[in-house]
């Protein structure tokens, strides 16, 4: 799993690429504050090497809570900028700071 951030000089956005290695998985998505926790809006594309990937334009100077959903199981990003407890989920969410 990994996150890649690419700041756009001409716009107030950061291109964030979410990558998760899940060779045996059938589906993966990223859900969070940036897509209203909607898995249909966060579908990751499966590459030939088994990695799931998607890139999103997120507003700069903000933080976003998120998680991956791999075959129905919620997973945190170990390389997240931080983690935040969420009472609704009963666990920690990954936090992305851009």
Protein backbone atom coordinates (compact mmCIF):
# COMPACT_ATOMS: atom_id res chain seq x y z
CA UNK A 1 0.00 0.00 0.00
CA UNK A 2 1.16 3.48 -0.62
CA UNK A 3 0.17 7.06 -1.25
CA UNK A 4 1.72 9.41 -3.76
CA UNK A 5 1.13 13.16 -3.68
CA UNK A 6 1.79 15.48 -6.59
CA UNK A 7 1.04 19.14 -5.98
CA UNK A 8 -0.23 21.13 -8.97
CA UNK A 9 1.40 24.56 -9.18
CA UNK A 10 -1.34 26.13 -11.29
CA UNK A 11 -4.33 24.91 -9.23
CA UNK A 12 -5.16 24.62 -5.53
CA UNK A 13 -5.21 20.82 -5.76
CA UNK A 14 -3.00 17.85 -5.07
CA UNK A 15 -3.13 14.75 -7.26
CA UNK A 16 -3.21 11.86 -4.80
CA UNK A 17 -2.62 8.32 -6.06
CA UNK A 18 -3.88 5.49 -3.87
CA UNK A 19 -2.17 2.13 -4.43
CA UNK A 20 -2.92 -1.15 -2.71
CA UNK A 21 -1.30 -4.50 -3.45
CA UNK A 22 -4.07 -7.09 -3.29
CA UNK A 23 -3.29 -9.74 -5.90
CA UNK A 24 -5.91 -12.19 -4.63
CA UNK A 25 -8.68 -9.61 -4.24
CA UNK A 26 -11.62 -9.26 -6.58
CA UNK A 27 -12.38 -5.63 -5.79
CA UNK A 28 -10.93 -2.63 -3.98
CA UNK A 29 -12.06 0.91 -3.30
CA UNK A 30 -10.94 3.93 -1.32
CA UNK A 31 -13.57 5.75 0.74
CA UNK A 32 -13.24 8.89 2.77
CA UNK A 33 -14.20 12.47 3.43
CA UNK A 34 -13.35 13.38 -0.18
CA UNK A 35 -16.02 11.10 -1.69
CA UNK A 36 -18.63 10.97 1.10
CA UNK A 37 -17.49 7.45 2.05
CA UNK A 38 -19.09 6.18 -1.17
CA UNK A 39 -17.40 3.01 -2.40
CA UNK A 40 -18.91 3.40 -5.88
CA UNK A 41 -17.09 6.73 -6.26
CA UNK A 42 -13.86 5.25 -4.92
CA UNK A 43 -13.45 2.15 -7.08
CA UNK A 44 -9.79 1.31 -7.71
CA UNK A 45 -8.71 -0.18 -11.03
CA UNK A 46 -6.89 -3.51 -10.92
CA UNK A 47 -3.60 -3.52 -12.82
CA UNK A 48 -2.02 -6.61 -14.42
CA UNK A 49 0.45 -6.96 -11.52
CA UNK A 50 -2.41 -7.26 -8.99
CA UNK A 51 -2.13 -3.72 -7.67
CA UNK A 52 -5.27 -1.60 -7.38
CA UNK A 53 -4.85 2.09 -8.23
CA UNK A 54 -6.69 5.39 -8.64
CA UNK A 55 -5.74 9.07 -8.66
CA UNK A 56 -7.92 11.86 -7.27
CA UNK A 57 -7.61 15.65 -7.28
CA UNK A 58 -8.00 16.77 -3.66
CA UNK A 59 -8.09 20.31 -2.35
CA UNK A 60 -4.84 21.56 -0.79
CA UNK A 61 -4.43 22.72 2.80
CA UNK A 62 -6.86 20.09 4.10
CA UNK A 63 -6.87 16.73 5.82
CA UNK A 64 -9.02 13.76 4.87
CA UNK A 65 -9.96 10.62 6.77
CA UNK A 66 -10.11 7.50 4.60
CA UNK A 67 -9.92 3.70 4.43
CA UNK A 68 -9.58 1.06 1.76
CA UNK A 69 -12.25 -1.59 1.22
CA UNK A 70 -10.80 -4.82 -0.13
CA UNK A 71 -13.37 -7.54 -0.84
CA UNK A 72 -15.65 -5.97 1.78
CA UNK A 73 -12.99 -5.60 4.50
CA UNK A 74 -11.96 -2.14 5.71
CA UNK A 75 -8.18 -1.62 5.81
CA UNK A 76 -6.06 1.35 6.91
CA UNK A 77 -3.14 2.72 4.90
CA UNK A 78 0.03 1.99 6.94
CA UNK A 79 1.82 4.90 5.24
CA UNK A 80 -0.91 7.43 6.13
CA UNK A 81 0.17 10.80 7.51
CA UNK A 82 -1.59 9.95 10.78
CA UNK A 83 -4.53 8.05 12.24
CA UNK A 84 -7.69 9.32 13.94
CA UNK A 85 -10.18 7.48 16.14
CA UNK A 86 -13.69 7.35 14.73
CA UNK A 87 -16.55 6.48 17.12
CA UNK A 88 -18.89 5.57 14.25
CA UNK A 89 -16.45 2.98 12.87
CA UNK A 90 -15.26 1.88 16.29
CA UNK A 91 -11.65 2.12 15.13
CA UNK A 92 -9.02 4.34 13.63
CA UNK A 93 -9.17 5.85 10.16
CA UNK A 94 -6.17 6.72 8.04
CA UNK A 95 -5.56 10.46 7.68
CA UNK A 96 -4.16 12.14 4.57
CA UNK A 97 -2.81 15.70 4.88
CA UNK A 98 -2.40 17.74 1.69
